[in-house]
Amino acid sequence: MAHYAVGSLIREARERQKYSQEELSYGICTASTLSRIENGIQAPGKRILEALMQRLGIVDRIYNSYLTAEEMERYETEERLTRCLAKKDYAQSEKLVNLLEEKISQIPKKEYSQKLEEQYVCFAKILIRKHQGENARYILEQLIEVIRMTIPDFDGVHIRARLLTFHEISILNNIGCTYHAVGNVWDALRLLFELKEYIEEHIFGGQELSVKYLMILQNLSTWLGQEGHHQEALKLCQKGIEFCIEYGKLHTFPMLLCNKACALAELGQFDVSKESFYQSVAIFQATSQHERAEQVRKYAEYRYGIKV
């Protein structure tokens, strides 16, 4: 009988962090399946292994060593789909969703990984529908239904001390953004503050998680500024800016600088605000985001009379 050594790594990390098998496996697989994986009796498969590792805060991508040929095909299709969604190429995204859905339909029903694969596809479909102008309240209902595929007791706002995968964090962040879009500001803030605290306390680090953390800080600082909580918004902007500088992250850096500039202007600190607006515009331009740079420039002048 084959013995799978990765199980020992999972068990040691779980026991070191004092999680029970039920806590770690919740929504991913049964505790008995996790026990077989930890004892080297059962191969976890890429999707389950990735989810377990992420919940344990192990962000190194060792997962590909355990891929079957079929999993590799699905993984490569998913990677292409993720890139297309990030580039907002929704026409190609739809084609890839259909292809991935066809591949997933071939997974034996008994495999727990099928649920995780289906969750990814459902989430991608929702993002496409959102771009196509689907009603925001319908999108919210669908997102909550999708997160309940792996967190069935999710009440719409609170994480309830659950361990999360990166994918679950993405869905929850989108739920928060959709709450805000339908005018439910305080639920949006509550959920994203819980996500922020979760990342800081549990699994802070790694490329993918860092991007999610910065997006959450950007969303929170924007919403707090809109609600007039400028000191709180300023603190979150500064936290995000310092993180961007320390770890060389540019994706959210200029927008966090813009949010900081707005907060400073609202607090009457116009000289410092102007400097942050300048920095935001310069970075947008340096990263070839000229339209965003012009939007910031116009907003600074229209809203605060600051010429950048």
C-alpha atoms as a PDB file:
ATOM      1  CA  MET A   1       0.000   0.000   0.000  1.00  0.00           C
ATOM      2  CA  ALA A   2       1.277   3.497  -0.907  1.00  0.00           C
ATOM      3  CA  HIS A   3       2.168   5.856   1.939  1.00  0.00           C
ATOM      4  CA  TYR A   4       1.767   9.622   1.410  1.00  0.00           C
ATOM      5  CA  ALA A   5       4.301  11.592   3.487  1.00  0.00           C
ATOM      6  CA  VAL A   6       2.509  14.933   3.128  1.00  0.00           C
ATOM      7  CA  GLY A   7       0.036  13.762   5.767  1.00  0.00           C
ATOM      8  CA  SER A   8       2.710  14.013   8.448  1.00  0.00           C
ATOM      9  CA  LEU A   9       3.342  17.659   7.508  1.00  0.00           C
ATOM     10  CA  ILE A  10      -0.365  18.441   7.819  1.00  0.00           C
ATOM     11  CA  ARG A  11      -0.703  16.637  11.162  1.00  0.00           C
ATOM     12  CA  GLU A  12       2.382  18.291  12.666  1.00  0.00           C
ATOM     13  CA  ALA A  13       1.263  21.774  11.578  1.00  0.00           C
ATOM     14  CA  ARG A  14      -2.274  21.179  12.854  1.00  0.00           C
ATOM     15  CA  GLU A  15      -1.142  19.883  16.238  1.00  0.00           C
ATOM     16  CA  ARG A  16       1.421  22.683  16.612  1.00  0.00           C
ATOM     17  CA  GLN A  17      -1.348  25.253  16.102  1.00  0.00           C
ATOM     18  CA  LYS A  18      -3.706  23.286  18.378  1.00  0.00           C
ATOM     19  CA  TYR A  19      -6.495  22.789  15.836  1.00  0.00           C
ATOM     20  CA  SER A  20      -8.720  19.743  15.958  1.00  0.00           C
ATOM     21  CA  GLN A  21      -9.262  17.621  12.865  1.00  0.00           C
ATOM     22  CA  GLU A  22     -12.863  18.854  12.815  1.00  0.00           C
ATOM     23  CA  GLU A  23     -11.768  22.521  12.818  1.00  0.00           C
ATOM     24  CA  LEU A  24      -9.282  22.075  10.004  1.00  0.00           C
ATOM     25  CA  SER A  25     -11.429  19.865   7.765  1.00  0.00           C
ATOM     26  CA  TYR A  26     -14.724  21.775   8.240  1.00  0.00           C
ATOM     27  CA  GLY A  27     -16.392  22.265   4.863  1.00  0.00           C
ATOM     28  CA  ILE A  28     -13.453  20.722   2.983  1.00  0.00           C
ATOM     29  CA  CYS A  29     -13.697  17.019   3.825  1.00  0.00           C
ATOM     30  CA  THR A  30     -14.771  14.835   6.734  1.00  0.00           C
ATOM     31  CA  ALA A  31     -12.598  14.485   9.828  1.00  0.00           C
ATOM     32  CA  SER A  32     -12.206  10.786   9.005  1.00  0.00           C
ATOM     33  CA  THR A  33     -10.874  11.683   5.534  1.00  0.00           C
ATOM     34  CA  LEU A  34      -8.387  14.090   7.115  1.00  0.00           C
ATOM     35  CA  SER A  35      -7.346  11.322   9.517  1.00  0.00           C
ATOM     36  CA  ARG A  36      -6.593   8.997   6.576  1.00  0.00           C
ATOM     37  CA  ILE A  37      -4.615  11.779   4.870  1.00  0.00           C
ATOM     38  CA  GLU A  38      -2.603  12.503   8.024  1.00  0.00           C
ATOM     39  CA  ASN A  39      -1.842   8.802   8.485  1.00  0.00           C
ATOM     40  CA  GLY A  40      -0.558   8.531   4.916  1.00  0.00           C
ATOM     41  CA  ILE A  41      -3.307   6.155   3.836  1.00  0.00           C
ATOM     42  CA  GLN A  42      -5.067   8.479   1.381  1.00  0.00           C
ATOM     43  CA  ALA A  43      -3.675  10.960  -1.150  1.00  0.00           C
ATOM     44  CA  PRO A  44      -5.313  14.367  -0.575  1.00  0.00           C
ATOM     45  CA  GLY A  45      -5.467  15.548  -4.183  1.00  0.00           C
ATOM     46  CA  LYS A  46      -4.444  19.057  -5.208  1.00  0.00           C
ATOM     47  CA  ARG A  47      -7.598  20.958  -4.271  1.00  0.00           C
ATOM     48  CA  ILE A  48      -7.989  19.496  -0.778  1.00  0.00           C
ATOM     49  CA  LEU A  49      -4.250  19.699  -0.068  1.00  0.00           C
ATOM     50  CA  GLU A  50      -4.204  23.364  -1.116  1.00  0.00           C
ATOM     51  CA  ALA A  51      -7.217  24.192   1.079  1.00  0.00           C
ATOM     52  CA  LEU A  52      -5.791  22.414   4.134  1.00  0.00           C
ATOM     53  CA  MET A  53      -2.385  24.067   3.718  1.00  0.00           C
ATOM     54  CA  GLN A  54      -3.893  27.528   3.346  1.00  0.00           C
ATOM     55  CA  ARG A  55      -5.970  27.103   6.495  1.00  0.00           C
ATOM     56  CA  LEU A  56      -2.788  26.112   8.307  1.00  0.00           C
ATOM     57  CA  GLY A  57      -0.973  29.182   6.981  1.00  0.00           C
ATOM     58  CA  ILE A  58       1.442  27.164   4.837  1.00  0.00           C
ATOM     59  CA  VAL A  59       1.620  29.272   1.703  1.00  0.00           C
ATOM     60  CA  ASP A  60       4.469  27.591  -0.195  1.00  0.00           C
ATOM     61  CA  ARG A  61       3.069  26.054  -3.366  1.00  0.00           C
ATOM     62  CA  ILE A  62       4.114  22.449  -2.910  1.00  0.00           C
ATOM     63  CA  TYR A  63       0.746  21.230  -4.161  1.00  0.00           C
ATOM     64  CA  ASN A  64       1.707  20.497  -7.760  1.00  0.00           C
ATOM     65  CA  SER A  65       3.827  17.537  -6.680  1.00  0.00           C
ATOM     66  CA  TYR A  66       0.604  15.698  -5.859  1.00  0.00           C
ATOM     67  CA  LEU A  67      -1.320  16.356  -9.098  1.00  0.00           C
ATOM     68  CA  THR A  68      -2.761  13.650 -11.282  1.00  0.00           C
ATOM     69  CA  ALA A  69      -2.872  14.306 -15.036  1.00  0.00           C
ATOM     70  CA  GLU A  70      -6.588  15.169 -14.775  1.00  0.00           C
ATOM     71  CA  GLU A  71      -5.975  17.553 -11.873  1.00  0.00           C
ATOM     72  CA  MET A  72      -3.163  19.229 -13.790  1.00  0.00           C
ATOM     73  CA  GLU A  73      -5.502  19.910 -16.721  1.00  0.00           C
ATOM     74  CA  ARG A  74      -8.123  21.427 -14.413  1.00  0.00           C
ATOM     75  CA  TYR A  75      -5.478  23.410 -12.553  1.00  0.00           C
ATOM     76  CA  GLU A  76      -4.054  24.906 -15.749  1.00  0.00           C
ATOM     77  CA  THR A  77      -7.553  25.814 -16.979  1.00  0.00           C
ATOM     78  CA  GLU A  78      -8.333  27.426 -13.628  1.00  0.00           C
ATOM     79  CA  GLU A  79      -5.100  29.430 -13.722  1.00  0.00           C
ATOM     80  CA  ARG A  80      -6.005  30.751 -17.180  1.00  0.00           C
ATOM     81  CA  LEU A  81      -9.498  31.619 -15.951  1.00  0.00           C
ATOM     82  CA  THR A  82      -8.108  33.450 -12.922  1.00  0.00           C
ATOM     83  CA  ARG A  83      -5.838  35.525 -15.163  1.00  0.00           C
ATOM     84  CA  CYS A  84      -8.707  36.367 -17.528  1.00  0.00           C
ATOM     85  CA  LEU A  85     -10.932  37.464 -14.637  1.00  0.00           C
ATOM     86  CA  ALA A  86      -8.121  39.640 -13.273  1.00  0.00           C
ATOM     87  CA  LYS A  87      -7.728  41.260 -16.714  1.00  0.00           C
ATOM     88  CA  LYS A  88     -11.539  41.657 -16.975  1.00  0.00           C
ATOM     89  CA  ASP A  89     -11.557  39.577 -20.163  1.00  0.00           C
ATOM     90  CA  TYR A  90     -15.042  38.248 -19.515  1.00  0.00           C
ATOM     91  CA  ALA A  91     -15.672  36.849 -23.007  1.00  0.00           C
ATOM     92  CA  GLN A  92     -12.697  34.494 -22.668  1.00  0.00           C
ATOM     93  CA  SER A  93     -13.609  33.876 -19.017  1.00  0.00           C
ATOM     94  CA  GLU A  94     -17.001  32.500 -20.048  1.00  0.00           C
ATOM     95  CA  LYS A  95     -15.368  30.053 -22.466  1.00  0.00           C
ATOM     96  CA  LEU A  96     -12.958  28.871 -19.792  1.00  0.00           C
ATOM     97  CA  VAL A  97     -15.747  28.508 -17.218  1.00  0.00           C
ATOM     98  CA  ASN A  98     -17.628  26.221 -19.612  1.00  0.00           C
ATOM     99  CA  LEU A  99     -14.459  24.201 -20.274  1.00  0.00           C
ATOM    100  CA  LEU A 100     -13.673  23.889 -16.562  1.00  0.00           C
ATOM    101  CA  GLU A 101     -17.255  22.917 -15.791  1.00  0.00           C
ATOM    102  CA  GLU A 102     -17.016  20.116 -18.346  1.00  0.00           C
ATOM    103  CA  LYS A 103     -13.792  18.854 -16.761  1.00  0.00           C
ATOM    104  CA  ILE A 104     -15.316  18.981 -13.263  1.00  0.00           C
ATOM    105  CA  SER A 105     -18.340  16.963 -14.398  1.00  0.00           C
ATOM    106  CA  GLN A 106     -15.925  14.084 -15.020  1.00  0.00           C
ATOM    107  CA  ILE A 107     -14.768  13.962 -11.376  1.00  0.00           C
ATOM    108  CA  PRO A 108     -16.192  10.908  -9.586  1.00  0.00           C
ATOM    109  CA  LYS A 109     -19.027  12.001  -7.288  1.00  0.00           C
ATOM    110  CA  LYS A 110     -17.389  10.386  -4.268  1.00  0.00           C
ATOM    111  CA  GLU A 111     -14.411  12.764  -4.368  1.00  0.00           C
ATOM    112  CA  TYR A 112     -14.618  15.574  -1.811  1.00  0.00           C
ATOM    113  CA  SER A 113     -12.535  17.816  -4.049  1.00  0.00           C
ATOM    114  CA  GLN A 114     -15.486  18.126  -6.431  1.00  0.00           C
ATOM    115  CA  LYS A 115     -17.222  20.493  -4.012  1.00  0.00           C
ATOM    116  CA  LEU A 116     -14.192  22.788  -3.917  1.00  0.00           C
ATOM    117  CA  GLU A 117     -13.904  22.720  -7.707  1.00  0.00           C
ATOM    118  CA  GLU A 118     -17.605  23.533  -8.087  1.00  0.00           C
ATOM    119  CA  GLN A 119     -17.306  26.401  -5.617  1.00  0.00           C
ATOM    120  CA  TYR A 120     -14.581  27.983  -7.743  1.00  0.00           C
ATOM    121  CA  VAL A 121     -16.670  27.687 -10.930  1.00  0.00           C
ATOM    122  CA  CYS A 122     -19.797  29.089  -9.256  1.00  0.00           C
ATOM    123  CA  PHE A 123     -17.799  32.049  -7.951  1.00  0.00           C
ATOM    124  CA  ALA A 124     -16.332  32.729 -11.406  1.00  0.00           C
ATOM    125  CA  LYS A 125     -19.825  32.648 -12.930  1.00  0.00           C
ATOM    126  CA  ILE A 126     -21.049  35.175 -10.375  1.00  0.00           C
ATOM    127  CA  LEU A 127     -18.157  37.545 -11.156  1.00  0.00           C
ATOM    128  CA  ILE A 128     -19.042  37.336 -14.845  1.00  0.00           C
ATOM    129  CA  ARG A 129     -22.739  37.994 -14.156  1.00  0.00           C
ATOM    130  CA  LYS A 130     -21.787  40.918 -11.958  1.00  0.00           C
ATOM    131  CA  HIS A 131     -19.828  42.441 -14.850  1.00  0.00           C
ATOM    132  CA  GLN A 132     -22.807  41.857 -17.151  1.00  0.00           C
ATOM    133  CA  GLY A 133     -24.963  44.040 -14.892  1.00  0.00           C
ATOM    134  CA  GLU A 134     -26.853  41.452 -12.871  1.00  0.00           C
ATOM    135  CA  ASN A 135     -28.881  42.872  -9.972  1.00  0.00           C
ATOM    136  CA  ALA A 136     -26.618  43.433  -6.935  1.00  0.00           C
ATOM    137  CA  ARG A 137     -29.040  41.865  -4.456  1.00  0.00           C
ATOM    138  CA  TYR A 138     -29.205  38.725  -6.585  1.00  0.00           C
ATOM    139  CA  ILE A 139     -25.398  38.680  -6.737  1.00  0.00           C
ATOM    140  CA  LEU A 140     -25.295  38.950  -2.931  1.00  0.00           C
ATOM    141  CA  GLU A 141     -27.684  36.004  -2.519  1.00  0.00           C
ATOM    142  CA  GLN A 142     -25.595  33.925  -4.910  1.00  0.00           C
ATOM    143  CA  LEU A 143     -22.318  34.777  -3.167  1.00  0.00           C
ATOM    144  CA  ILE A 144     -23.725  33.766   0.225  1.00  0.00           C
ATOM    145  CA  GLU A 145     -24.966  30.512  -1.292  1.00  0.00           C
ATOM    146  CA  VAL A 146     -21.499  29.836  -2.739  1.00  0.00           C
ATOM    147  CA  ILE A 147     -19.619  30.480   0.532  1.00  0.00           C
ATOM    148  CA  ARG A 148     -22.049  28.145   2.310  1.00  0.00           C
ATOM    149  CA  MET A 149     -20.790  25.328   0.094  1.00  0.00           C
ATOM    150  CA  THR A 150     -17.776  25.152   2.439  1.00  0.00           C
ATOM    151  CA  ILE A 151     -18.993  27.242   5.419  1.00  0.00           C
ATOM    152  CA  PRO A 152     -22.599  26.042   5.772  1.00  0.00           C
ATOM    153  CA  ASP A 153     -23.249  27.912   9.046  1.00  0.00           C
ATOM    154  CA  PHE A 154     -22.158  31.329   7.678  1.00  0.00           C
ATOM    155  CA  ASP A 155     -24.749  33.855   8.899  1.00  0.00           C
ATOM    156  CA  GLY A 156     -23.996  36.505   6.292  1.00  0.00           C
ATOM    157  CA  VAL A 157     -21.589  38.605   8.364  1.00  0.00           C
ATOM    158  CA  HIS A 158     -19.583  36.708  10.989  1.00  0.00           C
ATOM    159  CA  ILE A 159     -16.780  34.232  10.301  1.00  0.00           C
ATOM    160  CA  ARG A 160     -17.338  32.540  13.697  1.00  0.00           C
ATOM    161  CA  ALA A 161     -13.657  31.680  14.269  1.00  0.00           C
ATOM    162  CA  ARG A 162     -13.551  29.429  11.220  1.00  0.00           C
ATOM    163  CA  LEU A 163     -10.293  28.635   9.444  1.00  0.00           C
ATOM    164  CA  LEU A 164     -10.359  30.014   5.899  1.00  0.00           C
ATOM    165  CA  THR A 165      -8.803  29.236   2.534  1.00  0.00           C
ATOM    166  CA  PHE A 166      -7.627  32.031   0.236  1.00  0.00           C
ATOM    167  CA  HIS A 167     -10.591  31.302  -2.020  1.00  0.00           C
ATOM    168  CA  GLU A 168     -13.042  31.654   0.867  1.00  0.00           C
ATOM    169  CA  ILE A 169     -11.423  34.992   1.763  1.00  0.00           C
ATOM    170  CA  SER A 170     -11.990  36.177  -1.829  1.00  0.00           C
ATOM    171  CA  ILE A 171     -15.658  35.212  -1.732  1.00  0.00           C
ATOM    172  CA  LEU A 172     -16.169  36.862   1.675  1.00  0.00           C
ATOM    173  CA  ASN A 173     -14.449  40.037   0.457  1.00  0.00           C
ATOM    174  CA  ASN A 174     -16.842  40.099  -2.501  1.00  0.00           C
ATOM    175  CA  ILE A 175     -19.796  39.607  -0.168  1.00  0.00           C
ATOM    176  CA  GLY A 176     -18.614  42.652   1.804  1.00  0.00           C
ATOM    177  CA  CYS A 177     -18.256  44.711  -1.388  1.00  0.00           C
ATOM    178  CA  THR A 178     -21.733  43.688  -2.527  1.00  0.00           C
ATOM    179  CA  TYR A 179     -23.208  44.601   0.871  1.00  0.00           C
ATOM    180  CA  HIS A 180     -21.719  48.047   0.337  1.00  0.00           C
ATOM    181  CA  ALA A 181     -23.088  48.221  -3.220  1.00  0.00           C
ATOM    182  CA  VAL A 182     -26.654  47.601  -1.985  1.00  0.00           C
ATOM    183  CA  GLY A 183     -26.293  50.201   0.778  1.00  0.00           C
ATOM    184  CA  ASN A 184     -25.700  47.834   3.703  1.00  0.00           C
ATOM    185  CA  VAL A 185     -22.592  49.711   4.814  1.00  0.00           C
ATOM    186  CA  TRP A 186     -22.252  48.463   8.370  1.00  0.00           C
ATOM    187  CA  ASP A 187     -22.479  44.776   7.469  1.00  0.00           C
ATOM    188  CA  ALA A 188     -19.849  45.462   4.793  1.00  0.00           C
ATOM    189  CA  LEU A 189     -17.564  47.066   7.363  1.00  0.00           C
ATOM    190  CA  ARG A 190     -18.143  44.366   9.991  1.00  0.00           C
ATOM    191  CA  LEU A 191     -17.343  41.542   7.583  1.00  0.00           C
ATOM    192  CA  LEU A 192     -14.191  43.137   6.158  1.00  0.00           C
ATOM    193  CA  PHE A 193     -12.878  44.090   9.593  1.00  0.00           C
ATOM    194  CA  GLU A 194     -13.285  40.438  10.612  1.00  0.00           C
ATOM    195  CA  LEU A 195     -11.365  39.387   7.493  1.00  0.00           C
ATOM    196  CA  LYS A 196      -8.629  41.943   8.210  1.00  0.00           C
ATOM    197  CA  GLU A 197      -8.218  40.662  11.763  1.00  0.00           C
ATOM    198  CA  TYR A 198      -8.295  37.045  10.596  1.00  0.00           C
ATOM    199  CA  ILE A 199      -5.444  37.566   8.138  1.00  0.00           C
ATOM    200  CA  GLU A 200      -3.371  39.462  10.692  1.00  0.00           C
ATOM    201  CA  GLU A 201      -3.879  36.824  13.386  1.00  0.00           C
ATOM    202  CA  HIS A 202      -3.772  33.578  11.422  1.00  0.00           C
ATOM    203  CA  ILE A 203      -1.926  33.346   8.150  1.00  0.00           C
ATOM    204  CA  PHE A 204      -0.277  36.632   7.331  1.00  0.00           C
ATOM    205  CA  GLY A 205       2.227  36.252   4.519  1.00  0.00           C
ATOM    206  CA  GLY A 206       2.562  34.998   0.985  1.00  0.00           C
ATOM    207  CA  GLN A 207       1.983  36.681  -2.348  1.00  0.00           C
ATOM    208  CA  GLU A 208      -1.678  35.797  -2.879  1.00  0.00           C
ATOM    209  CA  LEU A 209      -2.754  36.540   0.670  1.00  0.00           C
ATOM    210  CA  SER A 210      -0.875  39.858   0.706  1.00  0.00           C
ATOM    211  CA  VAL A 211      -2.881  41.063  -2.286  1.00  0.00           C
ATOM    212  CA  LYS A 212      -6.135  40.123  -0.550  1.00  0.00           C
ATOM    213  CA  TYR A 213      -5.053  41.882   2.657  1.00  0.00           C
ATOM    214  CA  LEU A 214      -4.254  45.103   0.785  1.00  0.00           C
ATOM    215  CA  MET A 215      -7.559  45.024  -1.110  1.00  0.00           C
ATOM    216  CA  ILE A 216      -9.399  44.697   2.193  1.00  0.00           C
ATOM    217  CA  LEU A 217      -7.502  47.674   3.633  1.00  0.00           C
ATOM    218  CA  GLN A 218      -8.258  49.684   0.491  1.00  0.00           C
ATOM    219  CA  ASN A 219     -11.981  48.869   0.664  1.00  0.00           C
ATOM    220  CA  LEU A 220     -12.216  49.618   4.376  1.00  0.00           C
ATOM    221  CA  SER A 221     -10.368  52.941   4.100  1.00  0.00           C
ATOM    222  CA  THR A 222     -12.577  53.999   1.178  1.00  0.00           C
ATOM    223  CA  TRP A 223     -15.811  53.160   2.979  1.00  0.00           C
ATOM    224  CA  LEU A 224     -14.752  54.728   6.270  1.00  0.00           C
ATOM    225  CA  GLY A 225     -13.823  57.914   4.410  1.00  0.00           C
ATOM    226  CA  GLN A 226     -17.223  57.978   2.727  1.00  0.00           C
ATOM    227  CA  GLU A 227     -18.876  57.666   6.142  1.00  0.00           C
ATOM    228  CA  GLY A 228     -16.823  60.553   7.540  1.00  0.00           C
ATOM    229  CA  HIS A 229     -14.514  58.449   9.738  1.00  0.00           C
ATOM    230  CA  HIS A 230     -11.381  60.070   8.371  1.00  0.00           C
ATOM    231  CA  GLN A 231      -8.998  59.356  11.258  1.00  0.00           C
ATOM    232  CA  GLU A 232      -9.807  55.644  11.103  1.00  0.00           C
ATOM    233  CA  ALA A 233      -9.486  55.672   7.316  1.00  0.00           C
ATOM    234  CA  LEU A 234      -6.116  57.399   7.596  1.00  0.00           C
ATOM    235  CA  LYS A 235      -4.788  54.741   9.987  1.00  0.00           C
ATOM    236  CA  LEU A 236      -5.778  51.928   7.631  1.00  0.00           C
ATOM    237  CA  CYS A 237      -4.250  53.736   4.643  1.00  0.00           C
ATOM    238  CA  GLN A 238      -0.983  54.201   6.502  1.00  0.00           C
ATOM    239  CA  LYS A 239      -0.938  50.527   7.526  1.00  0.00           C
ATOM    240  CA  GLY A 240      -1.447  49.504   3.900  1.00  0.00           C
ATOM    241  CA  ILE A 241       1.121  51.970   2.547  1.00  0.00           C
ATOM    242  CA  GLU A 242       3.775  50.781   4.988  1.00  0.00           C
ATOM    243  CA  PHE A 243       3.034  47.180   4.013  1.00  0.00           C
ATOM    244  CA  CYS A 244       3.297  48.042   0.292  1.00  0.00           C
ATOM    245  CA  ILE A 245       6.679  49.679   0.852  1.00  0.00           C
ATOM    246  CA  GLU A 246       8.045  46.887   3.044  1.00  0.00           C
ATOM    247  CA  TYR A 247       6.989  44.063   0.720  1.00  0.00           C
ATOM    248  CA  GLY A 248       7.200  45.831  -2.660  1.00  0.00           C
ATOM    249  CA  LYS A 249       3.487  45.674  -3.511  1.00  0.00           C
ATOM    250  CA  LEU A 250       2.329  48.139  -6.169  1.00  0.00           C
ATOM    251  CA  HIS A 251      -1.171  46.934  -7.044  1.00  0.00           C
ATOM    252  CA  THR A 252      -3.080  48.863  -4.360  1.00  0.00           C
ATOM    253  CA  PHE A 253      -0.322  51.320  -3.416  1.00  0.00           C
ATOM    254  CA  PRO A 254      -1.473  54.352  -5.493  1.00  0.00           C
ATOM    255  CA  MET A 255      -5.120  53.953  -4.466  1.00  0.00           C
ATOM    256  CA  LEU A 256      -4.168  53.743  -0.789  1.00  0.00           C
ATOM    257  CA  LEU A 257      -2.159  56.952  -1.266  1.00  0.00           C
ATOM    258  CA  CYS A 258      -5.224  58.572  -2.846  1.00  0.00           C
ATOM    259  CA  ASN A 259      -7.423  57.457   0.059  1.00  0.00           C
ATOM    260  CA  LYS A 260      -4.817  58.825   2.484  1.00  0.00           C
ATOM    261  CA  ALA A 261      -4.796  62.158   0.618  1.00  0.00           C
ATOM    262  CA  CYS A 262      -8.589  62.368   0.831  1.00  0.00           C
ATOM    263  CA  ALA A 263      -8.578  61.627   4.563  1.00  0.00           C
ATOM    264  CA  LEU A 264      -5.900  64.259   5.192  1.00  0.00           C
ATOM    265  CA  ALA A 265      -7.812  66.852   3.163  1.00  0.00           C
ATOM    266  CA  GLU A 266     -11.012  66.110   5.070  1.00  0.00           C
ATOM    267  CA  LEU A 267      -9.038  66.655   8.283  1.00  0.00           C
ATOM    268  CA  GLY A 268      -7.808  70.028   6.991  1.00  0.00           C
ATOM    269  CA  GLN A 269      -4.188  68.981   6.371  1.00  0.00           C
ATOM    270  CA  PHE A 270      -4.087  70.246   2.783  1.00  0.00           C
ATOM    271  CA  ASP A 271      -0.295  70.550   2.350  1.00  0.00           C
ATOM    272  CA  VAL A 272       0.317  66.928   3.358  1.00  0.00           C
ATOM    273  CA  SER A 273      -2.739  65.871   1.376  1.00  0.00           C
ATOM    274  CA  LYS A 274      -1.356  67.476  -1.783  1.00  0.00           C
ATOM    275  CA  GLU A 275       1.890  65.535  -1.393  1.00  0.00           C
ATOM    276  CA  SER A 276      -0.006  62.225  -1.164  1.00  0.00           C
ATOM    277  CA  PHE A 277      -2.111  63.142  -4.209  1.00  0.00           C
ATOM    278  CA  TYR A 278       1.117  63.856  -6.132  1.00  0.00           C
ATOM    279  CA  GLN A 279       2.539  60.487  -5.119  1.00  0.00           C
ATOM    280  CA  SER A 280      -0.652  58.662  -6.117  1.00  0.00           C
ATOM    281  CA  VAL A 281      -0.737  60.293  -9.548  1.00  0.00           C
ATOM    282  CA  ALA A 282       2.988  59.647 -10.110  1.00  0.00           C
ATOM    283  CA  ILE A 283       2.691  55.928  -9.326  1.00  0.00           C
ATOM    284  CA  PHE A 284      -0.406  55.515 -11.471  1.00  0.00           C
ATOM    285  CA  GLN A 285       1.514  57.141 -14.332  1.00  0.00           C
ATOM    286  CA  ALA A 286       4.660  55.095 -13.695  1.00  0.00           C
ATOM    287  CA  THR A 287       2.611  51.885 -13.911  1.00  0.00           C
ATOM    288  CA  SER A 288       0.916  53.039 -17.161  1.00  0.00           C
ATOM    289  CA  GLN A 289      -2.464  53.591 -15.474  1.00  0.00           C
ATOM    290  CA  HIS A 290      -2.854  57.027 -17.046  1.00  0.00           C
ATOM    291  CA  GLU A 291      -6.654  57.084 -16.888  1.00  0.00           C
ATOM    292  CA  ARG A 292      -6.586  56.415 -13.144  1.00  0.00           C
ATOM    293  CA  ALA A 293      -3.945  59.121 -12.723  1.00  0.00           C
ATOM    294  CA  GLU A 294      -6.181  61.629 -14.488  1.00  0.00           C
ATOM    295  CA  GLN A 295      -9.183  60.589 -12.375  1.00  0.00           C
ATOM    296  CA  VAL A 296      -7.220  61.248  -9.176  1.00  0.00           C
ATOM    297  CA  ARG A 297      -5.975  64.574 -10.496  1.00  0.00           C
ATOM    298  CA  LYS A 298      -9.479  65.754 -11.419  1.00  0.00           C
ATOM    299  CA  TYR A 299     -10.987  64.522  -8.149  1.00  0.00           C
ATOM    300  CA  ALA A 300      -8.359  66.345  -6.060  1.00  0.00           C
ATOM    301  CA  GLU A 301      -9.097  69.612  -7.834  1.00  0.00           C
ATOM    302  CA  TYR A 302     -12.897  69.237  -7.950  1.00  0.00           C
ATOM    303  CA  ARG A 303     -13.375  68.012  -4.364  1.00  0.00           C
ATOM    304  CA  TYR A 304     -10.643  69.867  -2.498  1.00  0.00           C
ATOM    305  CA  GLY A 305      -9.347  72.572  -4.840  1.00  0.00           C
ATOM    306  CA  ILE A 306      -5.936  70.889  -4.880  1.00  0.00           C
ATOM    307  CA  LYS A 307      -4.100  71.105  -8.197  1.00  0.00           C
ATOM    308  CA  VAL A 308      -1.784  68.170  -8.806  1.00  0.00           C
END
